[in-house]
PDB file of N, CA and C in Angstrom:
ATOM      1  N   MET A   1      78.040 102.335 112.965  1.00  0.00           N
ATOM      2  CA  MET A   1      79.456 102.021 112.817  1.00  0.00           C
ATOM      3  C   MET A   1      79.909 101.184 114.007  1.00  0.00           C
ATOM      4  N   ILE A   2      80.730 100.203 113.752  1.00  0.00           N
ATOM      5  CA  ILE A   2      81.241  99.319 114.793  1.00  0.00           C
ATOM      6  C   ILE A   2      82.462  99.962 115.434  1.00  0.00           C
ATOM      7  N   ASP A   3      82.447 100.029 116.757  1.00  0.00           N
ATOM      8  CA  ASP A   3      83.600 100.563 117.478  1.00  0.00           C
ATOM      9  C   ASP A   3      84.630  99.454 117.589  1.00  0.00           C
ATOM     10  N   ASN A   4      85.753  99.623 116.909  1.00  0.00           N
ATOM     11  CA  ASN A   4      86.796  98.602 116.888  1.00  0.00           C
ATOM     12  C   ASN A   4      88.107  99.240 117.330  1.00  0.00           C
ATOM     13  N   PRO A   5      88.300  99.402 118.662  1.00  0.00           N
ATOM     14  CA  PRO A   5      89.529 100.052 119.121  1.00  0.00           C
ATOM     15  C   PRO A   5      90.755  99.235 118.743  1.00  0.00           C
ATOM     16  N   ARG A   6      91.830  99.927 118.559  1.00  0.00           N
ATOM     17  CA  ARG A   6      93.093  99.287 118.203  1.00  0.00           C
ATOM     18  C   ARG A   6      93.596  98.466 119.387  1.00  0.00           C
ATOM     19  N   PRO A   7      94.002  97.205 119.144  1.00  0.00           N
ATOM     20  CA  PRO A   7      94.506  96.392 120.253  1.00  0.00           C
ATOM     21  C   PRO A   7      95.829  96.946 120.784  1.00  0.00           C
ATOM     22  N   ALA A   8      96.147  96.584 122.011  1.00  0.00           N
ATOM     23  CA  ALA A   8      97.434  96.980 122.583  1.00  0.00           C
ATOM     24  C   ALA A   8      98.541  96.445 121.688  1.00  0.00           C
ATOM     25  N   SER A   9      99.635  97.171 121.618  1.00  0.00           N
ATOM     26  CA  SER A   9     100.717  96.714 120.746  1.00  0.00           C
ATOM     27  C   SER A   9     101.431  95.513 121.351  1.00  0.00           C
ATOM     28  N   VAL A  10     101.913  94.674 120.468  1.00  0.00           N
ATOM     29  CA  VAL A  10     102.639  93.466 120.850  1.00  0.00           C
ATOM     30  C   VAL A  10     103.901  93.435 120.007  1.00  0.00           C
ATOM     31  N   PRO A  11     105.084  93.313 120.597  1.00  0.00           N
ATOM     32  CA  PRO A  11     106.305  93.237 119.793  1.00  0.00           C
ATOM     33  C   PRO A  11     106.220  92.088 118.791  1.00  0.00           C
ATOM     34  N   SER A  12     106.687  92.319 117.574  1.00  0.00           N
ATOM     35  CA  SER A  12     106.542  91.309 116.523  1.00  0.00           C
ATOM     36  C   SER A  12     107.291  90.017 116.825  1.00  0.00           C
ATOM     37  N   GLU A  13     108.334  90.095 117.650  1.00  0.00           N
ATOM     38  CA  GLU A  13     109.080  88.877 117.968  1.00  0.00           C
ATOM     39  C   GLU A  13     108.552  88.168 119.216  1.00  0.00           C
ATOM     40  N   SER A  14     107.499  88.717 119.823  1.00  0.00           N
ATOM     41  CA  SER A  14     106.943  88.146 121.054  1.00  0.00           C
ATOM     42  C   SER A  14     105.991  86.996 120.752  1.00  0.00           C
ATOM     43  N   ASP A  15     105.996  85.989 121.600  1.00  0.00           N
ATOM     44  CA  ASP A  15     105.027  84.908 121.463  1.00  0.00           C
ATOM     45  C   ASP A  15     103.606  85.414 121.700  1.00  0.00           C
ATOM     46  N   ALA A  16     103.473  86.551 122.367  1.00  0.00           N
ATOM     47  CA  ALA A  16     102.153  87.123 122.632  1.00  0.00           C
ATOM     48  C   ALA A  16     101.459  87.565 121.347  1.00  0.00           C
ATOM     49  N   ARG A  17     102.197  87.671 120.235  1.00  0.00           N
ATOM     50  CA  ARG A  17     101.576  88.062 118.970  1.00  0.00           C
ATOM     51  C   ARG A  17     100.547  87.051 118.513  1.00  0.00           C
ATOM     52  N   THR A  18     100.603  85.844 119.059  1.00  0.00           N
ATOM     53  CA  THR A  18      99.646  84.814 118.651  1.00  0.00           C
ATOM     54  C   THR A  18      98.240  85.122 119.150  1.00  0.00           C
ATOM     55  N   VAL A  19      98.096  86.031 120.104  1.00  0.00           N
ATOM     56  CA  VAL A  19      96.768  86.403 120.581  1.00  0.00           C
ATOM     57  C   VAL A  19      96.297  87.709 119.944  1.00  0.00           C
ATOM     58  N   ASN A  20      97.120  88.319 119.122  1.00  0.00           N
ATOM     59  CA  ASN A  20      96.805  89.585 118.474  1.00  0.00           C
ATOM     60  C   ASN A  20      96.391  89.307 117.026  1.00  0.00           C
ATOM     61  N   ASN A  21      95.257  88.663 116.848  1.00  0.00           N
ATOM     62  CA  ASN A  21      94.821  88.225 115.527  1.00  0.00           C
ATOM     63  C   ASN A  21      94.235  89.363 114.716  1.00  0.00           C
ATOM     64  N   SER A  22      94.457  89.301 113.415  1.00  0.00           N
ATOM     65  CA  SER A  22      93.878  90.283 112.507  1.00  0.00           C
ATOM     66  C   SER A  22      92.572  89.743 111.934  1.00  0.00           C
ATOM     67  N   GLU A  23      91.939  90.540 111.109  1.00  0.00           N
ATOM     68  CA  GLU A  23      90.690  90.117 110.487  1.00  0.00           C
ATOM     69  C   GLU A  23      90.911  89.004 109.468  1.00  0.00           C
ATOM     70  N   VAL A  24      92.081  88.918 108.883  1.00  0.00           N
ATOM     71  CA  VAL A  24      92.338  87.927 107.844  1.00  0.00           C
ATOM     72  C   VAL A  24      92.983  86.672 108.412  1.00  0.00           C
ATOM     73  N   ARG A  25      94.057  86.837 109.128  1.00  0.00           N
ATOM     74  CA  ARG A  25      94.739  85.680 109.705  1.00  0.00           C
ATOM     75  C   ARG A  25      94.205  85.501 111.108  1.00  0.00           C
ATOM     76  N   HIS A  26      93.477  84.431 111.324  1.00  0.00           N
ATOM     77  CA  HIS A  26      92.818  84.223 112.602  1.00  0.00           C
ATOM     78  C   HIS A  26      93.664  83.446 113.603  1.00  0.00           C
ATOM     79  N   ALA A  27      94.779  82.937 113.171  1.00  0.00           N
ATOM     80  CA  ALA A  27      95.647  82.214 114.098  1.00  0.00           C
ATOM     81  C   ALA A  27      97.097  82.390 113.659  1.00  0.00           C
ATOM     82  N   TYR A  28      97.947  82.575 114.618  1.00  0.00           N
ATOM     83  CA  TYR A  28      99.377  82.695 114.357  1.00  0.00           C
ATOM     84  C   TYR A  28     100.086  81.556 115.059  1.00  0.00           C
ATOM     85  N   ARG A  29     101.148  81.096 114.454  1.00  0.00           N
ATOM     86  CA  ARG A  29     101.922  80.054 115.119  1.00  0.00           C
ATOM     87  C   ARG A  29     103.053  80.707 115.910  1.00  0.00           C
ATOM     88  N   VAL A  30     103.520  80.023 116.909  1.00  0.00           N
ATOM     89  CA  VAL A  30     104.648  80.509 117.702  1.00  0.00           C
ATOM     90  C   VAL A  30     105.911  80.299 116.878  1.00  0.00           C
ATOM     91  N   LEU A  31     106.718  81.342 116.767  1.00  0.00           N
ATOM     92  CA  LEU A  31     107.943  81.275 115.975  1.00  0.00           C
ATOM     93  C   LEU A  31     109.097  80.725 116.796  1.00  0.00           C
ATOM     94  N   SER A  32     110.029  80.080 116.098  1.00  0.00           N
ATOM     95  CA  SER A  32     111.257  79.631 116.754  1.00  0.00           C
ATOM     96  C   SER A  32     112.125  80.849 117.042  1.00  0.00           C
ATOM     97  N   ASP A  33     113.115  80.675 117.884  1.00  0.00           N
ATOM     98  CA  ASP A  33     114.032  81.781 118.187  1.00  0.00           C
ATOM     99  C   ASP A  33     114.755  82.259 116.931  1.00  0.00           C
ATOM    100  N   ASP A  34     115.139  81.324 116.046  1.00  0.00           N
ATOM    101  CA  ASP A  34     115.803  81.701 114.796  1.00  0.00           C
ATOM    102  C   ASP A  34     114.867  82.512 113.898  1.00  0.00           C
ATOM    103  N   GLU A  35     113.593  82.126 113.835  1.00  0.00           N
ATOM    104  CA  GLU A  35     112.622  82.861 113.026  1.00  0.00           C
ATOM    105  C   GLU A  35     112.390  84.256 113.600  1.00  0.00           C
ATOM    106  N   LYS A  36     112.319  84.346 114.906  1.00  0.00           N
ATOM    107  CA  LYS A  36     112.145  85.661 115.540  1.00  0.00           C
ATOM    108  C   LYS A  36     113.333  86.560 115.223  1.00  0.00           C
ATOM    109  N   ALA A  37     114.533  86.010 115.326  1.00  0.00           N
ATOM    110  CA  ALA A  37     115.742  86.795 115.042  1.00  0.00           C
ATOM    111  C   ALA A  37     115.770  87.232 113.580  1.00  0.00           C
ATOM    112  N   ALA A  38     115.373  86.344 112.674  1.00  0.00           N
ATOM    113  CA  ALA A  38     115.352  86.683 111.248  1.00  0.00           C
ATOM    114  C   ALA A  38     114.345  87.800 110.976  1.00  0.00           C
ATOM    115  N   MET A  39     113.187  87.721 111.601  1.00  0.00           N
ATOM    116  CA  MET A  39     112.162  88.739 111.400  1.00  0.00           C
ATOM    117  C   MET A  39     112.639  90.098 111.908  1.00  0.00           C
ATOM    118  N   VAL A  40     113.245  90.121 113.065  1.00  0.00           N
ATOM    119  CA  VAL A  40     113.764  91.377 113.613  1.00  0.00           C
ATOM    120  C   VAL A  40     114.859  91.928 112.698  1.00  0.00           C
ATOM    121  N   ALA A  41     115.740  91.058 112.198  1.00  0.00           N
ATOM    122  CA  ALA A  41     116.822  91.507 111.315  1.00  0.00           C
ATOM    123  C   ALA A  41     116.272  92.100 110.022  1.00  0.00           C
ATOM    124  N   VAL A  42     115.277  91.448 109.425  1.00  0.00           N
ATOM    125  CA  VAL A  42     114.660  91.963 108.199  1.00  0.00           C
ATOM    126  C   VAL A  42     114.048  93.337 108.460  1.00  0.00           C
ATOM    127  N   LYS A  43     113.327  93.475 109.556  1.00  0.00           N
ATOM    128  CA  LYS A  43     112.693  94.751 109.873  1.00  0.00           C
ATOM    129  C   LYS A  43     113.725  95.832 110.172  1.00  0.00           C
ATOM    130  N   ASP A  44     114.803  95.475 110.849  1.00  0.00           N
ATOM    131  CA  ASP A  44     115.858  96.445 111.150  1.00  0.00           C
ATOM    132  C   ASP A  44     116.530  96.945 109.878  1.00  0.00           C
ATOM    133  N   VAL A  45     116.849  96.020 108.967  1.00  0.00           N
ATOM    134  CA  VAL A  45     117.489  96.407 107.705  1.00  0.00           C
ATOM    135  C   VAL A  45     116.530  97.259 106.875  1.00  0.00           C
ATOM    136  N   GLY A  46     115.257  96.866 106.840  1.00  0.00           N
ATOM    137  CA  GLY A  46     114.265  97.649 106.112  1.00  0.00           C
ATOM    138  C   GLY A  46     114.155  99.057 106.657  1.00  0.00           C
ATOM    139  N   GLN A  47     114.117  99.190 107.979  1.00  0.00           N
ATOM    140  CA  GLN A  47     114.013 100.513 108.593  1.00  0.00           C
ATOM    141  C   GLN A  47     115.256 101.341 108.318  1.00  0.00           C
ATOM    142  N   LYS A  48     116.421 100.695 108.325  1.00  0.00           N
ATOM    143  CA  LYS A  48     117.659 101.416 108.041  1.00  0.00           C
ATOM    144  C   LYS A  48     117.626 101.980 106.616  1.00  0.00           C
ATOM    145  N   PHE A  49     117.152 101.173 105.662  1.00  0.00           N
ATOM    146  CA  PHE A  49     117.045 101.652 104.287  1.00  0.00           C
ATOM    147  C   PHE A  49     116.042 102.797 104.185  1.00  0.00           C
ATOM    148  N   ILE A  50     114.890 102.642 104.826  1.00  0.00           N
ATOM    149  CA  ILE A  50     113.857 103.684 104.783  1.00  0.00           C
ATOM    150  C   ILE A  50     114.389 104.988 105.358  1.00  0.00           C
ATOM    151  N   ASP A  51     115.082 104.908 106.482  1.00  0.00           N
ATOM    152  CA  ASP A  51     115.665 106.110 107.087  1.00  0.00           C
ATOM    153  C   ASP A  51     116.667 106.768 106.142  1.00  0.00           C
ATOM    154  N   LEU A  52     117.500 105.945 105.499  1.00  0.00           N
ATOM    155  CA  LEU A  52     118.488 106.476 104.557  1.00  0.00           C
ATOM    156  C   LEU A  52     117.790 107.149 103.377  1.00  0.00           C
ATOM    157  N   ALA A  53     116.784 106.483 102.816  1.00  0.00           N
ATOM    158  CA  ALA A  53     116.066 107.043 101.670  1.00  0.00           C
ATOM    159  C   ALA A  53     115.390 108.355 102.037  1.00  0.00           C
ATOM    160  N   LYS A  54     114.741 108.410 103.192  1.00  0.00           N
ATOM    161  CA  LYS A  54     114.064 109.637 103.613  1.00  0.00           C
ATOM    162  C   LYS A  54     115.058 110.767 103.849  1.00  0.00           C
ATOM    163  N   GLY A  55     116.273 110.415 104.225  1.00  0.00           N
ATOM    164  CA  GLY A  55     117.305 111.423 104.437  1.00  0.00           C
ATOM    165  C   GLY A  55     117.811 112.051 103.153  1.00  0.00           C
ATOM    166  N   LEU A  56     117.462 111.460 102.018  1.00  0.00           N
ATOM    167  CA  LEU A  56     117.894 112.003 100.727  1.00  0.00           C
ATOM    168  C   LEU A  56     117.080 113.210 100.297  1.00  0.00           C
ATOM    169  N   GLY A  57     115.942 113.382 100.908  1.00  0.00           N
ATOM    170  CA  GLY A  57     115.056 114.479 100.536  1.00  0.00           C
ATOM    171  C   GLY A  57     113.669 113.941 100.253  1.00  0.00           C
ATOM    172  N   SER A  58     112.850 114.804  99.693  1.00  0.00           N
ATOM    173  CA  SER A  58     111.459 114.457  99.449  1.00  0.00           C
ATOM    174  C   SER A  58     111.179 114.504  97.952  1.00  0.00           C
ATOM    175  N   SER A  59     110.720 113.384  97.409  1.00  0.00           N
ATOM    176  CA  SER A  59     110.367 113.328  95.994  1.00  0.00           C
ATOM    177  C   SER A  59     109.471 112.122  95.759  1.00  0.00           C
ATOM    178  N   ARG A  60     108.894 112.067  94.590  1.00  0.00           N
ATOM    179  CA  ARG A  60     108.079 110.910  94.220  1.00  0.00           C
ATOM    180  C   ARG A  60     108.935 109.644  94.239  1.00  0.00           C
ATOM    181  N   GLU A  61     110.165 109.767  93.756  1.00  0.00           N
ATOM    182  CA  GLU A  61     111.057 108.610  93.696  1.00  0.00           C
ATOM    183  C   GLU A  61     111.377 108.077  95.092  1.00  0.00           C
ATOM    184  N   VAL A  62     111.620 108.989  96.039  1.00  0.00           N
ATOM    185  CA  VAL A  62     111.886 108.557  97.419  1.00  0.00           C
ATOM    186  C   VAL A  62     110.638 107.893  98.001  1.00  0.00           C
ATOM    187  N   SER A  63     109.484 108.470  97.731  1.00  0.00           N
ATOM    188  CA  SER A  63     108.239 107.875  98.231  1.00  0.00           C
ATOM    189  C   SER A  63     108.047 106.461  97.687  1.00  0.00           C
ATOM    190  N   ILE A  64     108.339 106.272  96.405  1.00  0.00           N
ATOM    191  CA  ILE A  64     108.224 104.940  95.802  1.00  0.00           C
ATOM    192  C   ILE A  64     109.240 103.997  96.422  1.00  0.00           C
ATOM    193  N   ALA A  65     110.468 104.461  96.624  1.00  0.00           N
ATOM    194  CA  ALA A  65     111.497 103.620  97.232  1.00  0.00           C
ATOM    195  C   ALA A  65     111.086 103.173  98.632  1.00  0.00           C
ATOM    196  N   VAL A  66     110.520 104.081  99.414  1.00  0.00           N
ATOM    197  CA  VAL A  66     110.067 103.748 100.769  1.00  0.00           C
ATOM    198  C   VAL A  66     108.937 102.725 100.705  1.00  0.00           C
ATOM    199  N   THR A  67     107.976 102.962  99.810  1.00  0.00           N
ATOM    200  CA  THR A  67     106.862 102.017  99.669  1.00  0.00           C
ATOM    201  C   THR A  67     107.355 100.637  99.272  1.00  0.00           C
ATOM    202  N   LYS A  68     108.284 100.569  98.349  1.00  0.00           N
ATOM    203  CA  LYS A  68     108.810  99.273  97.897  1.00  0.00           C
ATOM    204  C   LYS A  68     109.606  98.584  99.011  1.00  0.00           C
ATOM    205  N   ALA A  69     110.321  99.369  99.812  1.00  0.00           N
ATOM    206  CA  ALA A  69     111.052  98.797 100.948  1.00  0.00           C
ATOM    207  C   ALA A  69     110.070  98.219 101.959  1.00  0.00           C
ATOM    208  N   GLU A  70     108.996  98.960 102.238  1.00  0.00           N
ATOM    209  CA  GLU A  70     107.968  98.451 103.152  1.00  0.00           C
ATOM    210  C   GLU A  70     107.362  97.157 102.613  1.00  0.00           C
ATOM    211  N   GLU A  71     107.137  97.123 101.311  1.00  0.00           N
ATOM    212  CA  GLU A  71     106.578  95.921 100.681  1.00  0.00           C
ATOM    213  C   GLU A  71     107.558  94.756 100.770  1.00  0.00           C
ATOM    214  N   ALA A  72     108.823  95.015 100.533  1.00  0.00           N
ATOM    215  CA  ALA A  72     109.832  93.960 100.610  1.00  0.00           C
ATOM    216  C   ALA A  72     109.906  93.374 102.017  1.00  0.00           C
ATOM    217  N   VAL A  73     109.865  94.250 103.017  1.00  0.00           N
ATOM    218  CA  VAL A  73     109.870  93.775 104.406  1.00  0.00           C
ATOM    219  C   VAL A  73     108.638  92.928 104.671  1.00  0.00           C
ATOM    220  N   MET A  74     107.480  93.398 104.208  1.00  0.00           N
ATOM    221  CA  MET A  74     106.237  92.658 104.421  1.00  0.00           C
ATOM    222  C   MET A  74     106.333  91.248 103.836  1.00  0.00           C
ATOM    223  N   TRP A  75     106.812  91.130 102.601  1.00  0.00           N
ATOM    224  CA  TRP A  75     106.886  89.810 101.970  1.00  0.00           C
ATOM    225  C   TRP A  75     107.910  88.912 102.657  1.00  0.00           C
ATOM    226  N   ALA A  76     109.034  89.473 103.067  1.00  0.00           N
ATOM    227  CA  ALA A  76     110.038  88.672 103.767  1.00  0.00           C
ATOM    228  C   ALA A  76     109.498  88.174 105.099  1.00  0.00           C
ATOM    229  N   VAL A  77     108.807  89.039 105.831  1.00  0.00           N
ATOM    230  CA  VAL A  77     108.219  88.638 107.115  1.00  0.00           C
ATOM    231  C   VAL A  77     107.119  87.598 106.890  1.00  0.00           C
ATOM    232  N   LYS A  78     106.334  87.790 105.841  1.00  0.00           N
ATOM    233  CA  LYS A  78     105.284  86.819 105.520  1.00  0.00           C
ATOM    234  C   LYS A  78     105.899  85.443 105.254  1.00  0.00           C
ATOM    235  N   HIS A  79     107.031  85.413 104.557  1.00  0.00           N
ATOM    236  CA  HIS A  79     107.731  84.156 104.319  1.00  0.00           C
ATOM    237  C   HIS A  79     108.154  83.508 105.635  1.00  0.00           C
ATOM    238  N   ILE A  80     108.716  84.309 106.515  1.00  0.00           N
ATOM    239  CA  ILE A  80     109.209  83.778 107.788  1.00  0.00           C
ATOM    240  C   ILE A  80     108.056  83.256 108.649  1.00  0.00           C
ATOM    241  N   THR A  81     106.948  83.966 108.647  1.00  0.00           N
ATOM    242  CA  THR A  81     105.848  83.631 109.569  1.00  0.00           C
ATOM    243  C   THR A  81     104.797  82.694 108.970  1.00  0.00           C
ATOM    244  N   ARG A  82     104.956  82.272 107.751  1.00  0.00           N
ATOM    245  CA  ARG A  82     103.928  81.432 107.105  1.00  0.00           C
ATOM    246  C   ARG A  82     103.737  80.110 107.789  1.00  0.00           C
TER     247      ARG A  82
END
């Protein structure tokens, strides 16, 4: 088995994220200040929704809502960072 320790965390709006490459995307571009702000805003709104949904209780429906919110954030961020 290959020992692949998790890299140190890098804030998503930091230019340092360009050195934190994944297995699929081997290069990241530096984002503009507006793109960084948009990405942070999308993630903040997504987290606010997730927190609200989780506060409703525990059910399959809440789990699906959280998963879909995570997916929506992922696609919005992917759009911003493409």
